[in-house]
Structures are given as structure tokens and as C-alpha cells.
Amino acid sequence: MPVTTPGESYMVFDPNLSSLNAEQLRCVQELIISRPAVGKISFHGKTDCTDLNLERLVRLEIGEVNVYPEPGMKPPPGVSVDHF
């Protein structure tokens, strides 16, 4: 499902996360987040997308991909980011 921000193009999630149930969100295979005319980022393997605010955690701009863009947002290795 596209996510729009005023003045910006929308982000697209493949698979469409809004169509997945809770069990499927815990084990998303080959997640791709893209922004038309900007670019995309792929997360290979399984990603737990439960309760993630991916619009806040991933920013796609022309010439830049930023994951955990806000200071203090990135969790230590092995720690869940479900509180974001």
C-alpha cells in the first residue's frame, strides 16, 4: 500500500504489508521498499515486520538510502525494534 507524505512521492512495500496477517508479518521473505523515481532497498531473507513503522525507519531520497535516520533510533545487534 502506498504511503504518501505531502510534497513527496509514496513508498511501496513488496509484499504489500497491509495485506498480511500477524503470522505472515513475523516472517516476511525478501522485503523490498521502493519509492518511484527514487530507488529501492531490499532486505534479503526473513524480516519480522511486526509493529514496525517502516515509513519512519527507512528514508529513500534521490542518491541516498537511510535506515534508522533519527539519532538514537538504531538498536544494538540482536535487539528488536518493535518499540518504534
N, C-alpha and C. Protein backbone atom coordinates (compact mmCIF):
# COMPACT_ATOMS: atom_id res chain seq x y z
N MET A 1 0.84 -1.18 0.00
CA MET A 1 0.00 0.00 0.00
C MET A 1 0.88 1.24 0.00
N PRO A 2 0.65 2.16 -0.90
CA PRO A 2 1.47 3.37 -0.94
C PRO A 2 1.28 4.22 0.31
N VAL A 3 2.37 4.82 0.74
CA VAL A 3 2.34 5.76 1.86
C VAL A 3 2.73 7.11 1.30
N THR A 4 1.89 8.11 1.51
CA THR A 4 2.17 9.42 0.94
C THR A 4 2.49 10.42 2.03
N THR A 5 3.38 11.32 1.71
CA THR A 5 3.73 12.45 2.56
C THR A 5 3.55 13.68 1.70
N PRO A 6 2.94 14.74 2.21
CA PRO A 6 2.73 15.93 1.38
C PRO A 6 4.02 16.38 0.70
N GLY A 7 3.94 16.58 -0.61
CA GLY A 7 5.09 17.05 -1.38
C GLY A 7 6.08 15.97 -1.75
N GLU A 8 5.83 14.73 -1.38
CA GLU A 8 6.76 13.64 -1.68
C GLU A 8 6.03 12.52 -2.39
N SER A 9 6.79 11.72 -3.14
CA SER A 9 6.18 10.54 -3.74
C SER A 9 6.01 9.48 -2.65
N TYR A 10 5.26 8.46 -2.93
CA TYR A 10 4.91 7.45 -1.95
C TYR A 10 5.91 6.30 -1.92
N MET A 11 5.90 5.57 -0.82
CA MET A 11 6.72 4.37 -0.68
C MET A 11 5.85 3.16 -0.96
N VAL A 12 6.46 2.15 -1.59
CA VAL A 12 5.76 0.91 -1.95
C VAL A 12 6.47 -0.23 -1.24
N PHE A 13 5.68 -1.14 -0.67
CA PHE A 13 6.22 -2.30 0.02
C PHE A 13 5.84 -3.56 -0.75
N ASP A 14 6.85 -4.41 -0.99
CA ASP A 14 6.63 -5.67 -1.70
C ASP A 14 7.24 -6.77 -0.85
N PRO A 15 6.42 -7.65 -0.28
CA PRO A 15 4.99 -7.78 -0.47
C PRO A 15 4.23 -6.63 0.20
N ASN A 16 2.96 -6.51 -0.15
CA ASN A 16 2.10 -5.48 0.41
C ASN A 16 1.83 -5.83 1.88
N LEU A 17 2.47 -5.12 2.79
CA LEU A 17 2.39 -5.44 4.21
C LEU A 17 0.98 -5.30 4.77
N SER A 18 0.21 -4.39 4.22
CA SER A 18 -1.15 -4.19 4.74
C SER A 18 -2.08 -5.37 4.42
N SER A 19 -1.65 -6.23 3.51
CA SER A 19 -2.48 -7.39 3.17
C SER A 19 -2.08 -8.65 3.94
N LEU A 20 -1.05 -8.56 4.79
CA LEU A 20 -0.56 -9.73 5.51
C LEU A 20 -1.18 -9.81 6.90
N ASN A 21 -1.38 -11.04 7.36
CA ASN A 21 -1.88 -11.22 8.72
C ASN A 21 -0.69 -11.19 9.70
N ALA A 22 -0.99 -11.26 11.00
CA ALA A 22 0.05 -11.15 12.03
C ALA A 22 1.14 -12.21 11.88
N GLU A 23 0.74 -13.43 11.58
CA GLU A 23 1.72 -14.51 11.41
C GLU A 23 2.63 -14.24 10.21
N GLN A 24 2.05 -13.80 9.11
CA GLN A 24 2.84 -13.51 7.91
C GLN A 24 3.78 -12.32 8.13
N LEU A 25 3.36 -11.32 8.92
CA LEU A 25 4.21 -10.16 9.20
C LEU A 25 5.46 -10.55 9.99
N ARG A 26 5.39 -11.61 10.77
CA ARG A 26 6.53 -12.06 11.56
C ARG A 26 7.62 -12.67 10.70
N CYS A 27 7.29 -13.02 9.47
CA CYS A 27 8.26 -13.74 8.63
C CYS A 27 8.12 -13.31 7.16
N VAL A 28 8.40 -12.05 6.88
CA VAL A 28 8.29 -11.53 5.51
C VAL A 28 9.56 -11.90 4.75
N GLN A 29 9.40 -12.62 3.66
CA GLN A 29 10.52 -13.04 2.82
C GLN A 29 10.84 -11.96 1.78
N GLU A 30 12.12 -11.63 1.64
CA GLU A 30 12.60 -10.75 0.57
C GLU A 30 11.81 -9.43 0.50
N LEU A 31 11.78 -8.70 1.61
CA LEU A 31 11.09 -7.42 1.67
C LEU A 31 11.78 -6.39 0.78
N ILE A 32 11.00 -5.70 -0.03
CA ILE A 32 11.51 -4.61 -0.87
C ILE A 32 10.71 -3.36 -0.57
N ILE A 33 11.41 -2.28 -0.27
CA ILE A 33 10.78 -0.98 -0.06
C ILE A 33 11.28 -0.08 -1.17
N SER A 34 10.35 0.52 -1.89
CA SER A 34 10.76 1.37 -3.02
C SER A 34 9.99 2.68 -3.00
N ARG A 35 10.55 3.63 -3.69
CA ARG A 35 9.92 4.93 -3.90
C ARG A 35 10.08 5.25 -5.38
N PRO A 36 8.95 5.29 -6.11
CA PRO A 36 9.03 5.51 -7.56
C PRO A 36 9.88 6.73 -7.93
N ALA A 37 10.67 6.56 -8.94
CA ALA A 37 11.57 7.59 -9.48
C ALA A 37 12.70 7.95 -8.52
N VAL A 38 12.86 7.18 -7.43
CA VAL A 38 13.93 7.45 -6.46
C VAL A 38 14.83 6.23 -6.33
N GLY A 39 14.28 5.09 -5.90
CA GLY A 39 15.09 3.90 -5.73
C GLY A 39 14.41 2.88 -4.85
N LYS A 40 15.19 1.85 -4.45
CA LYS A 40 14.63 0.80 -3.61
C LYS A 40 15.71 0.21 -2.73
N ILE A 41 15.25 -0.45 -1.67
CA ILE A 41 16.15 -1.18 -0.78
C ILE A 41 15.52 -2.56 -0.58
N SER A 42 16.37 -3.59 -0.60
CA SER A 42 15.91 -4.97 -0.43
C SER A 42 16.47 -5.53 0.86
N PHE A 43 15.63 -6.22 1.60
CA PHE A 43 16.04 -6.92 2.81
C PHE A 43 15.94 -8.41 2.50
N HIS A 44 17.08 -9.04 2.26
CA HIS A 44 17.11 -10.44 1.86
C HIS A 44 16.87 -11.35 3.06
N GLY A 45 16.23 -12.46 2.79
CA GLY A 45 15.91 -13.41 3.83
C GLY A 45 14.60 -13.03 4.51
N LYS A 46 14.49 -13.38 5.79
CA LYS A 46 13.25 -13.13 6.54
C LYS A 46 13.38 -11.85 7.36
N THR A 47 12.31 -11.05 7.38
CA THR A 47 12.25 -9.83 8.18
C THR A 47 10.98 -9.87 9.01
N ASP A 48 11.11 -9.62 10.31
CA ASP A 48 9.94 -9.51 11.18
C ASP A 48 9.44 -8.08 11.10
N CYS A 49 8.31 -7.87 10.46
CA CYS A 49 7.74 -6.54 10.25
C CYS A 49 6.64 -6.22 11.25
N THR A 50 6.52 -7.04 12.29
CA THR A 50 5.50 -6.83 13.31
C THR A 50 5.72 -5.48 14.00
N ASP A 51 4.70 -4.63 13.98
CA ASP A 51 4.72 -3.34 14.68
C ASP A 51 5.84 -2.40 14.26
N LEU A 52 6.41 -2.58 13.09
CA LEU A 52 7.44 -1.65 12.61
C LEU A 52 6.82 -0.49 11.87
N ASN A 53 7.30 0.69 12.13
CA ASN A 53 6.90 1.88 11.39
C ASN A 53 7.97 2.11 10.32
N LEU A 54 7.86 1.39 9.23
CA LEU A 54 8.90 1.43 8.20
C LEU A 54 9.01 2.79 7.53
N GLU A 55 7.92 3.56 7.52
CA GLU A 55 7.99 4.90 6.96
C GLU A 55 8.93 5.79 7.78
N ARG A 56 9.05 5.48 9.07
CA ARG A 56 9.93 6.23 9.95
C ARG A 56 11.34 5.64 9.99
N LEU A 57 11.44 4.33 9.83
CA LEU A 57 12.73 3.64 9.93
C LEU A 57 13.56 3.69 8.66
N VAL A 58 12.91 3.87 7.51
CA VAL A 58 13.61 3.86 6.22
C VAL A 58 13.26 5.14 5.46
N ARG A 59 14.29 5.82 4.98
CA ARG A 59 14.08 7.01 4.14
C ARG A 59 14.81 6.80 2.82
N LEU A 60 14.07 6.99 1.75
CA LEU A 60 14.63 6.88 0.40
C LEU A 60 14.58 8.26 -0.24
N GLU A 61 15.72 8.79 -0.58
CA GLU A 61 15.84 10.06 -1.26
C GLU A 61 16.71 9.85 -2.50
N ILE A 62 16.66 10.73 -3.43
CA ILE A 62 17.49 10.61 -4.62
C ILE A 62 18.96 10.59 -4.18
N GLY A 63 19.66 9.51 -4.53
CA GLY A 63 21.07 9.36 -4.19
C GLY A 63 21.35 8.95 -2.76
N GLU A 64 20.30 8.60 -1.99
CA GLU A 64 20.53 8.27 -0.59
C GLU A 64 19.48 7.28 -0.07
N VAL A 65 19.95 6.29 0.66
CA VAL A 65 19.08 5.38 1.39
C VAL A 65 19.53 5.47 2.84
N ASN A 66 18.60 5.76 3.74
CA ASN A 66 18.94 5.93 5.14
C ASN A 66 18.03 5.04 5.98
N VAL A 67 18.64 4.12 6.72
CA VAL A 67 17.90 3.24 7.62
C VAL A 67 18.24 3.69 9.04
N TYR A 68 17.23 3.83 9.88
CA TYR A 68 17.36 4.41 11.22
C TYR A 68 17.89 5.85 11.11
N PRO A 69 17.16 6.73 10.44
CA PRO A 69 17.65 8.08 10.18
C PRO A 69 17.73 9.01 11.38
N GLU A 70 16.99 8.73 12.44
CA GLU A 70 16.98 9.62 13.59
C GLU A 70 18.01 9.17 14.63
N PRO A 71 18.74 10.10 15.25
CA PRO A 71 19.73 9.73 16.26
C PRO A 71 19.11 8.90 17.38
N GLY A 72 19.84 7.89 17.81
CA GLY A 72 19.38 7.04 18.90
C GLY A 72 18.35 6.01 18.51
N MET A 73 18.03 5.94 17.23
CA MET A 73 16.98 5.05 16.76
C MET A 73 17.48 3.61 16.54
N LYS A 74 18.73 3.45 16.16
CA LYS A 74 19.26 2.14 15.81
C LYS A 74 19.48 1.29 17.06
N PRO A 75 18.85 0.12 17.09
CA PRO A 75 19.03 -0.76 18.25
C PRO A 75 20.35 -1.51 18.17
N PRO A 76 20.85 -2.00 19.31
CA PRO A 76 22.05 -2.84 19.28
C PRO A 76 21.78 -4.13 18.50
N PRO A 77 22.82 -4.77 17.98
CA PRO A 77 22.64 -6.03 17.24
C PRO A 77 21.86 -7.04 18.08
N GLY A 78 20.89 -7.70 17.45
CA GLY A 78 20.10 -8.73 18.09
C GLY A 78 18.92 -8.24 18.91
N VAL A 79 18.73 -6.92 18.99
CA VAL A 79 17.63 -6.35 19.76
C VAL A 79 16.52 -5.95 18.83
N SER A 80 15.29 -6.28 19.18
CA SER A 80 14.12 -5.97 18.38
C SER A 80 13.88 -4.46 18.32
N VAL A 81 13.32 -4.02 17.19
CA VAL A 81 12.99 -2.60 17.04
C VAL A 81 11.49 -2.40 17.13
N ASP A 82 10.79 -3.31 17.79
CA ASP A 82 9.33 -3.26 17.81
C ASP A 82 8.75 -2.07 18.56
N HIS A 83 9.55 -1.33 19.30
CA HIS A 83 9.03 -0.17 20.01
C HIS A 83 9.01 1.09 19.15
N PHE A 84 9.44 1.00 17.90
CA PHE A 84 9.44 2.18 17.04
C PHE A 84 8.16 2.21 16.29
